[in-house]
Protein backbone atom coordinates (compact mmCIF):
# COMPACT_ATOMS: atom_id res chain seq x y z
CA MET A 1 75.38 115.55 -46.15
CA ALA A 2 77.91 117.11 -48.42
CA GLU A 3 77.94 121.25 -48.77
CA LEU A 4 79.14 123.03 -51.12
CA ARG A 5 80.80 126.77 -49.33
CA GLN A 6 82.01 129.97 -51.80
CA ASN A 7 84.91 131.49 -50.33
CA VAL A 8 84.48 134.91 -51.16
CA VAL A 9 88.51 136.38 -51.60
CA THR A 10 88.70 133.74 -54.53
CA ARG A 11 85.03 132.89 -55.97
CA GLU A 12 85.77 129.43 -55.25
CA TRP A 13 82.99 126.88 -54.28
CA VAL A 14 84.33 124.32 -52.13
CA ILE A 15 83.02 120.85 -51.14
CA ILE A 16 83.07 120.13 -47.58
CA THR A 17 82.07 116.43 -46.79
CA PRO A 18 81.06 115.46 -43.62
CA GLU A 19 80.98 111.34 -44.81
CA ARG A 20 84.37 111.07 -45.90
CA ALA A 21 85.75 114.12 -43.05
CA LYS A 22 88.62 112.81 -41.27
CA ARG A 23 89.00 114.06 -37.36
CA PRO A 24 92.37 116.85 -37.34
CA ASP A 25 94.51 114.32 -35.41
CA GLN A 26 94.18 111.97 -38.23
CA PHE A 27 96.80 114.50 -40.20
CA VAL A 28 99.47 114.36 -38.20
CA LYS A 29 102.26 112.98 -40.40
CA PRO A 30 103.42 110.08 -39.88
CA LYS A 31 106.61 109.51 -37.28
CA GLY A 32 109.41 108.27 -39.68
CA ILE A 33 112.61 106.44 -38.79
CA GLU A 34 115.76 109.67 -40.68
CA PRO A 35 117.87 110.47 -38.25
CA PRO A 36 118.51 114.17 -37.01
CA LEU A 37 119.71 116.78 -39.32
CA PRO A 38 123.38 118.05 -37.97
CA MET A 39 123.92 121.61 -37.45
CA SER A 40 126.02 121.91 -41.05
CA SER A 41 126.59 119.76 -43.95
CA PRO A 42 129.61 120.23 -45.35
CA ASP A 43 128.02 119.52 -49.29
CA CYS A 44 125.32 121.86 -48.41
CA PRO A 45 125.94 126.11 -50.52
CA PHE A 46 123.93 127.96 -47.62
CA CYS A 47 126.04 126.48 -44.67
CA VAL A 48 128.12 129.01 -42.88
CA GLY A 49 131.83 128.16 -43.90
CA ASN A 50 130.60 127.45 -47.76
CA GLU A 51 129.29 130.74 -48.80
CA HIS A 52 132.00 130.45 -52.23
CA LEU A 53 129.69 128.15 -53.11
CA THR A 54 126.53 130.46 -53.56
CA LEU A 55 126.43 133.76 -56.15
CA ARG A 56 127.15 137.06 -55.07
CA GLU A 57 125.09 137.84 -52.25
CA THR A 58 122.02 140.89 -52.95
CA PHE A 59 120.95 141.69 -49.29
CA ARG A 60 122.56 140.33 -45.79
CA ILE A 61 121.15 140.87 -41.81
CA GLY A 62 124.72 140.05 -39.30
CA GLU A 63 128.06 140.87 -40.67
CA GLY A 64 131.02 138.30 -41.77
CA GLY A 65 130.46 134.92 -40.74
CA ASN A 66 128.54 135.94 -38.02
CA TRP A 67 125.15 136.23 -40.81
CA ARG A 68 121.75 135.53 -39.81
CA VAL A 69 119.87 136.06 -42.97
CA ARG A 70 120.86 136.20 -46.72
CA ALA A 71 119.89 136.63 -49.99
CA ILE A 72 121.14 135.45 -52.68
CA PRO A 73 120.31 134.71 -56.69
CA ASN A 74 118.81 131.11 -57.33
CA ARG A 75 121.68 128.69 -59.04
CA TYR A 76 119.39 127.66 -61.21
CA PRO A 77 116.75 130.47 -61.75
CA ALA A 78 113.42 130.12 -63.92
CA LEU A 79 114.10 133.40 -64.93
CA THR A 80 117.12 135.74 -65.85
CA ASP A 81 117.78 139.63 -64.50
CA THR A 82 119.56 140.58 -67.85
CA GLY A 83 117.72 141.71 -71.35
CA GLU A 84 114.49 143.64 -72.14
CA ARG A 85 111.53 142.44 -72.04
CA VAL A 86 110.59 141.75 -75.23
CA ARG A 87 106.88 140.19 -76.31
CA LYS A 88 105.96 138.65 -79.57
CA VAL A 89 102.32 137.20 -80.74
CA ASP A 90 101.96 135.35 -84.41
CA GLY A 91 98.47 134.22 -83.91
CA ILE A 92 97.53 132.02 -81.63
CA TYR A 93 101.18 131.82 -80.46
CA ARG A 94 102.43 134.07 -77.80
CA SER A 95 105.80 134.51 -76.08
CA MET A 96 107.21 136.57 -74.27
CA SER A 97 111.75 136.64 -72.79
CA ALA A 98 112.03 135.53 -69.84
CA VAL A 99 113.44 138.60 -67.55
CA GLY A 100 113.21 138.89 -64.23
CA PHE A 101 114.70 137.89 -60.69
CA HIS A 102 114.42 134.75 -58.47
CA GLU A 103 116.44 134.28 -55.43
CA VAL A 104 116.74 132.66 -52.60
CA ILE A 105 116.58 134.04 -48.74
CA VAL A 106 118.73 131.66 -46.61
CA GLU A 107 116.55 132.35 -43.45
CA HIS A 108 119.64 130.78 -40.92
CA PRO A 109 122.74 130.15 -40.32
CA LEU A 110 122.11 126.09 -39.09
CA HIS A 111 121.20 123.27 -41.32
CA ASN A 112 119.00 122.10 -39.38
CA MET A 113 116.59 125.03 -38.15
CA THR A 114 112.93 125.22 -38.98
CA LEU A 115 111.34 128.97 -38.73
CA ALA A 116 109.02 127.29 -36.13
CA LEU A 117 111.88 126.75 -33.54
CA MET A 118 113.30 130.00 -34.05
CA PRO A 119 113.12 133.11 -31.86
CA GLU A 120 110.45 135.50 -32.73
CA LYS A 121 113.57 138.13 -33.19
CA HIS A 122 115.15 135.77 -35.73
CA VAL A 123 111.53 135.28 -37.92
CA ALA A 124 111.47 139.20 -38.12
CA ASP A 125 114.95 139.24 -39.75
CA VAL A 126 113.56 136.85 -42.06
CA LEU A 127 110.64 138.96 -43.07
CA ARG A 128 112.71 141.86 -43.10
CA ALA A 129 115.00 140.37 -46.15
CA TYR A 130 111.55 139.63 -47.73
CA ARG A 131 110.42 143.36 -47.59
CA GLN A 132 113.55 144.92 -48.47
CA ARG A 133 114.15 142.45 -51.42
CA TYR A 134 110.34 143.02 -52.31
CA ARG A 135 111.42 147.00 -52.03
CA ALA A 136 114.29 146.87 -54.25
CA ILE A 137 113.07 144.44 -56.75
CA ARG A 138 109.80 146.32 -57.39
CA LYS A 139 111.25 149.23 -58.92
CA ASP A 140 112.25 147.36 -61.80
CA ASN A 141 109.79 148.92 -64.40
CA ARG A 142 109.91 145.57 -66.31
CA ILE A 143 108.74 143.41 -63.06
CA GLU A 144 104.28 143.11 -62.93
CA ALA A 145 104.56 140.98 -59.50
CA VAL A 146 106.58 139.59 -57.10
CA ILE A 147 105.73 136.40 -55.49
CA LEU A 148 107.63 135.42 -52.30
CA PHE A 149 107.04 131.82 -50.81
CA LYS A 150 108.95 129.06 -48.99
CA ASN A 151 108.07 125.01 -50.10
CA HIS A 152 109.06 123.12 -46.47
CA GLY A 153 109.68 119.30 -46.92
CA GLU A 154 109.52 117.14 -50.46
CA GLY A 155 106.38 116.49 -50.40
CA ALA A 156 105.53 120.72 -50.46
CA GLY A 157 108.46 121.14 -53.62
CA THR A 158 112.10 121.52 -51.50
CA SER A 159 115.06 119.96 -52.86
CA LEU A 160 117.38 121.21 -50.45
CA VAL A 161 116.86 121.20 -46.37
CA HIS A 162 118.41 123.86 -44.99
CA PRO A 163 116.04 126.77 -44.39
CA HIS A 164 115.30 128.51 -47.47
CA SER A 165 112.60 131.08 -48.81
CA GLN A 166 112.25 131.67 -52.17
CA LEU A 167 111.71 135.33 -54.27
CA VAL A 168 110.23 135.34 -57.82
CA ALA A 169 109.61 138.79 -60.00
CA THR A 170 107.61 138.06 -63.71
CA PRO A 171 107.69 140.35 -66.44
CA ILE A 172 103.59 139.65 -66.31
CA VAL A 173 101.00 139.10 -64.00
CA PRO A 174 100.40 135.61 -63.55
CA ALA A 175 96.68 134.65 -63.71
CA GLN A 176 95.74 133.49 -60.79
CA ILE A 177 96.85 137.04 -59.35
CA ARG A 178 95.45 139.03 -61.85
CA HIS A 179 91.81 136.85 -61.69
CA ARG A 180 92.13 137.46 -57.53
CA ALA A 181 92.61 141.18 -57.74
CA GLU A 182 89.60 141.29 -60.81
CA GLU A 183 87.51 139.84 -58.14
CA ALA A 184 88.41 142.14 -55.86
CA ILE A 185 87.37 144.81 -58.20
CA ARG A 186 84.12 143.45 -58.82
CA TYR A 187 83.90 143.00 -54.95
CA PHE A 188 84.28 146.54 -54.17
CA ASP A 189 82.31 147.95 -56.86
CA ASP A 190 79.53 145.78 -55.37
CA THR A 191 79.93 146.78 -51.78
CA GLY A 192 82.09 149.71 -51.69
CA GLU A 193 84.41 147.40 -49.43
CA CYS A 194 87.49 145.68 -49.40
CA VAL A 195 86.53 141.76 -49.62
CA CYS A 196 89.84 141.00 -47.27
CA CYS A 197 88.87 143.85 -45.17
CA ARG A 198 85.66 142.33 -44.94
CA THR A 199 86.76 139.08 -44.37
CA VAL A 200 89.31 139.67 -41.43
CA GLN A 201 86.22 141.20 -39.89
CA ASP A 202 83.53 138.59 -40.02
CA GLU A 203 86.43 135.81 -39.31
CA VAL A 204 87.01 137.85 -36.18
CA ARG A 205 83.89 138.37 -35.60
CA ALA A 206 82.44 134.51 -36.00
CA LYS A 207 85.88 133.66 -33.42
CA GLU A 208 85.23 129.84 -34.44
CA ARG A 209 87.84 129.46 -37.20
CA ILE A 210 90.68 132.18 -35.53
CA ILE A 211 93.85 130.45 -34.50
CA ILE A 212 95.44 133.60 -33.41
CA GLN A 213 94.95 137.22 -33.31
CA THR A 214 97.58 140.25 -32.66
CA ARG A 215 97.62 143.47 -32.17
CA HIS A 216 97.98 143.53 -36.24
CA PHE A 217 97.13 140.26 -37.60
CA ALA A 218 94.71 137.28 -37.09
CA ALA A 219 95.93 133.63 -38.17
CA PHE A 220 92.34 131.30 -39.26
CA ILE A 221 91.51 129.15 -41.36
CA PRO A 222 88.99 130.74 -44.07
CA TYR A 223 85.29 129.19 -44.01
CA ALA A 224 85.86 127.62 -47.33
CA ALA A 225 88.98 126.50 -46.88
CA LEU A 226 90.08 124.76 -50.43
CA SER A 227 92.28 121.78 -48.10
CA PRO A 228 92.26 120.39 -44.78
CA PHE A 229 94.47 123.40 -42.25
CA HIS A 230 94.95 125.64 -45.29
CA ILE A 231 95.45 128.80 -42.96
CA TRP A 232 95.57 132.91 -43.59
CA ILE A 233 97.12 135.28 -41.97
CA PHE A 234 95.39 138.36 -42.90
CA PRO A 235 96.59 142.18 -41.64
CA LEU A 236 93.54 143.75 -39.32
CA LYS A 237 94.20 147.45 -41.16
CA HIS A 238 93.87 148.12 -44.85
CA VAL A 239 97.34 147.77 -47.25
CA SER A 240 97.45 146.80 -50.07
CA SER A 241 101.15 145.76 -50.75
CA PHE A 242 103.60 143.69 -48.75
CA GLU A 243 106.75 146.74 -49.20
CA GLU A 244 104.36 148.49 -46.58
CA ILE A 245 104.50 146.40 -43.96
CA THR A 246 106.05 148.34 -40.99
CA ASP A 247 109.24 147.41 -38.07
CA THR A 248 106.33 147.43 -35.71
CA GLU A 249 104.32 144.97 -38.01
CA ILE A 250 107.00 142.81 -39.21
CA ARG A 251 107.91 142.13 -35.31
CA ASP A 252 104.32 141.16 -34.78
CA LEU A 253 104.06 139.19 -37.71
CA ALA A 254 106.69 137.48 -36.69
CA GLY A 255 105.07 135.90 -33.20
CA CYS A 256 102.16 135.54 -35.27
CA LEU A 257 103.56 133.34 -38.06
CA LYS A 258 105.99 131.68 -35.11
CA ASN A 259 103.12 130.91 -33.48
CA VAL A 260 101.00 129.41 -35.95
CA LEU A 261 103.96 127.38 -37.80
CA ALA A 262 104.52 125.58 -34.13
CA ARG A 263 101.59 124.57 -33.79
CA LEU A 264 101.61 122.70 -37.07
CA TYR A 265 104.87 121.37 -36.02
CA TYR A 266 104.51 119.95 -33.05
CA GLY A 267 100.37 119.37 -33.87
CA LEU A 268 100.93 117.51 -37.02
CA ASN A 269 104.69 116.39 -36.86
CA ASN A 270 105.83 119.00 -38.53
CA PRO A 271 104.26 118.54 -41.62
CA ASP A 272 105.50 119.82 -45.39
CA PHE A 273 103.67 122.72 -46.37
CA ASN A 274 104.12 125.69 -48.73
CA TYR A 275 103.87 129.07 -47.80
CA SER A 276 103.15 132.56 -49.72
CA ILE A 277 102.94 136.23 -49.42
CA ARG A 278 99.94 137.18 -51.40
CA SER A 279 100.05 141.03 -52.68
CA ILE A 280 98.87 143.67 -55.28
CA PRO A 281 101.11 143.34 -58.77
CA THR A 282 103.81 145.87 -58.51
CA ARG A 283 102.72 149.31 -60.81
CA ASP A 284 99.55 149.33 -58.14
CA LEU A 285 100.82 150.41 -54.84
CA ARG A 286 97.40 151.73 -52.80
CA VAL A 287 94.03 150.65 -53.32
CA GLU A 288 90.95 150.41 -52.67
CA TYR A 289 90.08 147.11 -53.46
CA PHE A 290 92.58 144.37 -52.33
CA HIS A 291 95.38 144.51 -49.47
CA TRP A 292 98.23 141.37 -48.84
CA TYR A 293 97.75 138.46 -46.79
CA LEU A 294 99.42 134.93 -46.84
CA THR A 295 98.76 131.77 -46.81
CA ILE A 296 100.30 128.57 -45.62
CA VAL A 297 99.43 124.97 -47.40
CA PRO A 298 99.53 122.58 -45.33
CA ARG A 299 100.78 119.43 -47.60
CA VAL A 300 98.27 116.68 -45.49
CA SER A 301 96.30 116.09 -48.96
CA LYS A 302 96.25 115.34 -52.07
CA THR A 303 94.85 117.02 -55.44
CA ALA A 304 93.07 114.37 -57.34
CA GLY A 305 90.96 113.86 -60.87
CA PHE A 306 88.50 115.63 -59.47
CA GLU A 307 90.03 118.86 -58.55
CA ILE A 308 91.74 118.48 -62.03
CA GLY A 309 88.69 117.90 -63.92
CA SER A 310 87.00 120.53 -62.13
CA GLY A 311 88.46 123.36 -60.51
CA MET A 312 86.57 122.75 -57.53
CA TYR A 313 88.51 120.90 -54.32
CA VAL A 314 87.16 118.76 -52.08
CA ASN A 315 88.08 119.46 -47.93
CA THR A 316 87.62 116.07 -46.07
CA ALA A 317 88.09 118.18 -42.97
CA PHE A 318 86.05 120.97 -41.14
CA PRO A 319 87.29 124.37 -41.43
CA GLU A 320 86.15 124.85 -37.16
CA GLU A 321 87.01 121.63 -36.10
CA SER A 322 90.52 121.91 -37.74
CA ALA A 323 90.95 126.04 -36.08
CA GLU A 324 90.48 124.30 -32.90
CA PHE A 325 92.77 121.48 -32.96
CA LEU A 326 95.36 124.24 -33.86
CA ARG A 327 94.36 126.23 -30.85
CA LYS A 328 94.42 123.59 -28.53
CA VAL A 329 98.24 122.46 -28.86
CA ALA A 330 100.68 123.13 -26.82
CA THR A 331 103.99 124.61 -27.76
CA CYS A 332 107.51 124.65 -26.45
CA ASP A 333 107.61 128.54 -26.02
């Protein structure tokens, strides 16, 4: 029979349905007939030689045309970096000036590259770009939250195939981030423990949902994963803000992230996915109740009416079986 599991970090309940459950290999993306991508495209604004098609750079690793990673403002930003943060309230009507930052991190010069296939050193460069831009933007006193994320594939919302990530910095704390921080505070008040620390400790001890563990990180499918192959990568030590990740930890995270993405790439045939880095709001730097982590959501299932109507998710894959499947995937490294 079906089982309800609660995710202690988010407080969300998930229905695991054995009657509707699929074998892990049933989530493999069908092979398409699309032609392979070229190494460069004359119309792509992110390709080498087309740098003039983008706005000013905010960060770069590499010199001249030999750049490895670039950060640039989004040409069609959700928020603008000019102006003051002004809040308006008129009865139930509330608004605020859309001030903030929206940047693109171009991950690689090659048009047809993907993080799963990049050398670890290059993945580390991408993570270093994340950290640098996070640190720089966090200092702006108009900013309350910085969200780093990647959309991979059309089903995940990407419009340009050239490998890239995005950063959006908002003048408010989004409700989901606020809610998770409040739940973490509640857990800390009840137990005296960080809920993230306890989660990763228990998952490492249980082992059955661990995909890979490195010196500084553990990648696992949560006990109450919201969707099939939903993956968390947690630091093993308590660090509240992503900006405090060290160079040593960046190198370690690069290996862990590449390993996990390669297992998805080869095991599920390069599925569409989103990932994001969840960190503490910018006004807080070091707190006892929460630490940052990276979440990966492969788009191998769809949200339907029950999820929309209830806020609860139905997961048709057992987290334990999904983790075992990924552990057995052979990569080409």
